[in-house]
Amino acid sequence: MDIPSIKNEDQYEALREKGYSKEKSARIANTPDSGKKGGKAKPYEQWTKDELYEQAKRVDIKGRSKMDKESLIHALRNG
């Protein structure tokens, strides 16, 4: 896989050191606000399918167009 430019190099390197794959590390490091403390977002089960699809698109989940809501949730959590 060719890795595009990484938006948060420090986070990417930290994830790689923890054993994450290059792909997953890049996805996380390139997600907006990924380094900030969470807790404000509602659980994926409360998102609409369209919202889940857009998030899957942002993090480049392959096959997302054929997924139902449950599959999108699983892919986003286990990407």
N, C-alpha and C. Protein backbone atom coordinates (compact mmCIF):
# COMPACT_ATOMS: atom_id res chain seq x y z
N MET A 1 0.84 -1.18 0.00
CA MET A 1 0.00 0.00 0.00
C MET A 1 0.87 1.24 0.00
N ASP A 2 0.58 2.18 -0.88
CA ASP A 2 1.27 3.45 -0.86
C ASP A 2 0.57 4.32 0.17
N ILE A 3 1.35 4.83 1.11
CA ILE A 3 0.78 5.65 2.15
C ILE A 3 0.81 7.10 1.69
N PRO A 4 -0.38 7.76 1.67
CA PRO A 4 -0.40 9.17 1.33
C PRO A 4 0.25 9.98 2.44
N SER A 5 0.35 11.28 2.27
CA SER A 5 0.96 12.09 3.32
C SER A 5 0.20 11.89 4.62
N ILE A 6 0.93 11.81 5.70
CA ILE A 6 0.36 11.60 7.02
C ILE A 6 0.15 12.97 7.66
N LYS A 7 -1.06 13.24 8.15
CA LYS A 7 -1.36 14.54 8.74
C LYS A 7 -0.78 14.69 10.13
N ASN A 8 -0.68 13.60 10.88
CA ASN A 8 -0.16 13.66 12.24
C ASN A 8 0.95 12.61 12.37
N GLU A 9 2.16 13.01 11.99
CA GLU A 9 3.30 12.09 11.97
C GLU A 9 3.60 11.49 13.34
N ASP A 10 3.52 12.31 14.40
CA ASP A 10 3.82 11.82 15.75
C ASP A 10 2.84 10.72 16.15
N GLN A 11 1.57 10.95 15.88
CA GLN A 11 0.56 9.94 16.22
C GLN A 11 0.78 8.67 15.39
N TYR A 12 1.08 8.86 14.11
CA TYR A 12 1.33 7.71 13.23
C TYR A 12 2.47 6.85 13.79
N GLU A 13 3.58 7.50 14.14
CA GLU A 13 4.74 6.76 14.66
C GLU A 13 4.41 6.07 15.98
N ALA A 14 3.66 6.74 16.84
CA ALA A 14 3.28 6.14 18.12
C ALA A 14 2.42 4.89 17.91
N LEU A 15 1.51 4.97 16.96
CA LEU A 15 0.65 3.81 16.66
C LEU A 15 1.46 2.66 16.08
N ARG A 16 2.41 2.98 15.20
CA ARG A 16 3.27 1.94 14.62
C ARG A 16 4.07 1.25 15.72
N GLU A 17 4.57 2.04 16.68
CA GLU A 17 5.35 1.46 17.79
C GLU A 17 4.49 0.55 18.67
N LYS A 18 3.19 0.83 18.72
CA LYS A 18 2.27 -0.02 19.49
C LYS A 18 1.90 -1.29 18.73
N GLY A 19 2.32 -1.39 17.46
CA GLY A 19 2.05 -2.59 16.70
C GLY A 19 0.93 -2.49 15.69
N TYR A 20 0.37 -1.30 15.53
CA TYR A 20 -0.69 -1.13 14.53
C TYR A 20 -0.09 -1.24 13.13
N SER A 21 -0.89 -1.70 12.17
CA SER A 21 -0.43 -1.79 10.79
C SER A 21 -0.22 -0.40 10.23
N LYS A 22 0.55 -0.32 9.14
CA LYS A 22 0.77 0.98 8.48
C LYS A 22 -0.55 1.58 8.05
N GLU A 23 -1.43 0.73 7.47
CA GLU A 23 -2.72 1.22 6.97
C GLU A 23 -3.58 1.77 8.09
N LYS A 24 -3.72 1.02 9.18
CA LYS A 24 -4.56 1.46 10.28
C LYS A 24 -3.97 2.70 10.95
N SER A 25 -2.67 2.74 11.12
CA SER A 25 -2.01 3.90 11.71
C SER A 25 -2.25 5.14 10.87
N ALA A 26 -2.14 4.99 9.54
CA ALA A 26 -2.36 6.13 8.65
C ALA A 26 -3.80 6.60 8.72
N ARG A 27 -4.75 5.65 8.74
CA ARG A 27 -6.16 6.01 8.83
C ARG A 27 -6.45 6.82 10.08
N ILE A 28 -5.93 6.35 11.21
CA ILE A 28 -6.19 7.03 12.48
C ILE A 28 -5.51 8.40 12.48
N ALA A 29 -4.25 8.44 12.07
CA ALA A 29 -3.50 9.70 12.10
C ALA A 29 -4.06 10.73 11.13
N ASN A 30 -4.77 10.30 10.11
CA ASN A 30 -5.34 11.23 9.13
C ASN A 30 -6.80 11.59 9.41
N THR A 31 -7.38 11.03 10.48
CA THR A 31 -8.75 11.35 10.84
C THR A 31 -8.75 12.68 11.59
N PRO A 32 -9.60 13.63 11.17
CA PRO A 32 -9.63 14.92 11.86
C PRO A 32 -9.90 14.76 13.35
N ASP A 33 -9.18 15.51 14.15
CA ASP A 33 -9.33 15.53 15.61
C ASP A 33 -9.04 14.18 16.27
N SER A 34 -8.29 13.32 15.60
CA SER A 34 -8.05 11.99 16.16
C SER A 34 -7.20 12.01 17.42
N GLY A 35 -6.42 13.04 17.61
CA GLY A 35 -5.56 13.10 18.80
C GLY A 35 -6.22 13.77 19.99
N LYS A 36 -7.42 14.26 19.82
CA LYS A 36 -8.09 14.96 20.91
C LYS A 36 -8.91 14.01 21.74
N LYS A 37 -9.08 14.36 23.01
CA LYS A 37 -9.86 13.53 23.91
C LYS A 37 -11.31 13.49 23.44
N GLY A 38 -11.86 12.32 23.44
CA GLY A 38 -13.22 12.13 22.94
C GLY A 38 -14.26 12.23 24.03
N GLY A 39 -15.34 11.50 23.83
CA GLY A 39 -16.39 11.46 24.83
C GLY A 39 -17.61 12.25 24.46
N LYS A 40 -17.54 13.07 23.42
CA LYS A 40 -18.68 13.88 23.05
C LYS A 40 -19.50 13.25 21.92
N ALA A 41 -18.89 12.37 21.17
CA ALA A 41 -19.60 11.76 20.05
C ALA A 41 -20.56 10.69 20.57
N LYS A 42 -21.71 10.62 19.91
CA LYS A 42 -22.67 9.59 20.28
C LYS A 42 -22.19 8.24 19.74
N PRO A 43 -22.61 7.14 20.35
CA PRO A 43 -22.19 5.82 19.87
C PRO A 43 -22.63 5.59 18.43
N TYR A 44 -21.85 4.81 17.70
CA TYR A 44 -22.17 4.54 16.29
C TYR A 44 -23.60 4.03 16.10
N GLU A 45 -24.12 3.30 17.07
CA GLU A 45 -25.49 2.78 16.94
C GLU A 45 -26.53 3.89 16.81
N GLN A 46 -26.20 5.08 17.27
CA GLN A 46 -27.13 6.21 17.19
C GLN A 46 -26.92 7.05 15.92
N TRP A 47 -25.88 6.73 15.15
CA TRP A 47 -25.62 7.44 13.90
C TRP A 47 -26.57 6.91 12.82
N THR A 48 -26.86 7.74 11.83
CA THR A 48 -27.63 7.26 10.69
C THR A 48 -26.69 6.48 9.78
N LYS A 49 -27.27 5.70 8.89
CA LYS A 49 -26.43 4.95 7.95
C LYS A 49 -25.60 5.92 7.09
N ASP A 50 -26.20 7.05 6.69
CA ASP A 50 -25.47 8.03 5.89
C ASP A 50 -24.28 8.61 6.66
N GLU A 51 -24.46 8.88 7.95
CA GLU A 51 -23.36 9.40 8.76
C GLU A 51 -22.24 8.35 8.87
N LEU A 52 -22.63 7.10 9.08
CA LEU A 52 -21.64 6.02 9.15
C LEU A 52 -20.89 5.88 7.83
N TYR A 53 -21.62 5.97 6.73
CA TYR A 53 -21.01 5.86 5.41
C TYR A 53 -19.98 6.98 5.20
N GLU A 54 -20.35 8.21 5.58
CA GLU A 54 -19.43 9.34 5.40
C GLU A 54 -18.18 9.17 6.26
N GLN A 55 -18.33 8.65 7.48
CA GLN A 55 -17.16 8.39 8.33
C GLN A 55 -16.31 7.29 7.72
N ALA A 56 -16.93 6.25 7.20
CA ALA A 56 -16.19 5.17 6.55
C ALA A 56 -15.44 5.70 5.33
N LYS A 57 -16.05 6.62 4.63
CA LYS A 57 -15.41 7.25 3.47
C LYS A 57 -14.18 8.05 3.92
N ARG A 58 -14.33 8.82 5.01
CA ARG A 58 -13.21 9.64 5.53
C ARG A 58 -12.01 8.77 5.90
N VAL A 59 -12.27 7.59 6.45
CA VAL A 59 -11.15 6.74 6.88
C VAL A 59 -10.84 5.64 5.85
N ASP A 60 -11.44 5.76 4.68
CA ASP A 60 -11.12 4.90 3.53
C ASP A 60 -11.38 3.42 3.78
N ILE A 61 -12.56 3.10 4.29
CA ILE A 61 -12.98 1.71 4.46
C ILE A 61 -13.38 1.18 3.08
N LYS A 62 -12.73 0.13 2.64
CA LYS A 62 -13.04 -0.46 1.34
C LYS A 62 -14.35 -1.25 1.41
N GLY A 63 -15.13 -1.22 0.33
CA GLY A 63 -16.38 -1.98 0.26
C GLY A 63 -17.54 -1.34 0.99
N ARG A 64 -17.37 -0.10 1.44
CA ARG A 64 -18.40 0.55 2.25
C ARG A 64 -19.74 0.71 1.53
N SER A 65 -19.72 0.86 0.21
CA SER A 65 -20.97 1.10 -0.51
C SER A 65 -21.91 -0.10 -0.46
N LYS A 66 -21.37 -1.28 -0.19
CA LYS A 66 -22.19 -2.49 -0.16
C LYS A 66 -22.58 -2.88 1.28
N MET A 67 -22.13 -2.09 2.26
CA MET A 67 -22.36 -2.46 3.67
C MET A 67 -23.68 -1.93 4.20
N ASP A 68 -24.31 -2.73 5.08
CA ASP A 68 -25.47 -2.23 5.81
C ASP A 68 -24.96 -1.51 7.06
N LYS A 69 -25.87 -0.97 7.84
CA LYS A 69 -25.49 -0.18 9.01
C LYS A 69 -24.61 -0.98 9.98
N GLU A 70 -25.01 -2.20 10.27
CA GLU A 70 -24.24 -3.03 11.21
C GLU A 70 -22.83 -3.30 10.70
N SER A 71 -22.71 -3.55 9.40
CA SER A 71 -21.40 -3.82 8.80
C SER A 71 -20.52 -2.58 8.85
N LEU A 72 -21.11 -1.41 8.62
CA LEU A 72 -20.35 -0.16 8.69
C LEU A 72 -19.83 0.06 10.11
N ILE A 73 -20.68 -0.18 11.11
CA ILE A 73 -20.26 -0.04 12.50
C ILE A 73 -19.09 -0.98 12.80
N HIS A 74 -19.22 -2.23 12.38
CA HIS A 74 -18.16 -3.21 12.62
C HIS A 74 -16.86 -2.78 11.94
N ALA A 75 -16.95 -2.34 10.69
CA ALA A 75 -15.76 -1.93 9.95
C ALA A 75 -15.09 -0.71 10.59
N LEU A 76 -15.89 0.23 11.05
CA LEU A 76 -15.32 1.43 11.68
C LEU A 76 -14.65 1.09 13.01
N ARG A 77 -15.20 0.17 13.74
CA ARG A 77 -14.61 -0.19 15.02
C ARG A 77 -13.40 -1.10 14.88
N ASN A 78 -13.36 -1.88 13.82
CA ASN A 78 -12.30 -2.88 13.70
C ASN A 78 -11.37 -2.64 12.53
N GLY A 79 -11.64 -1.55 11.78
CA GLY A 79 -10.92 -1.16 10.58
C GLY A 79 -9.57 -1.66 10.45
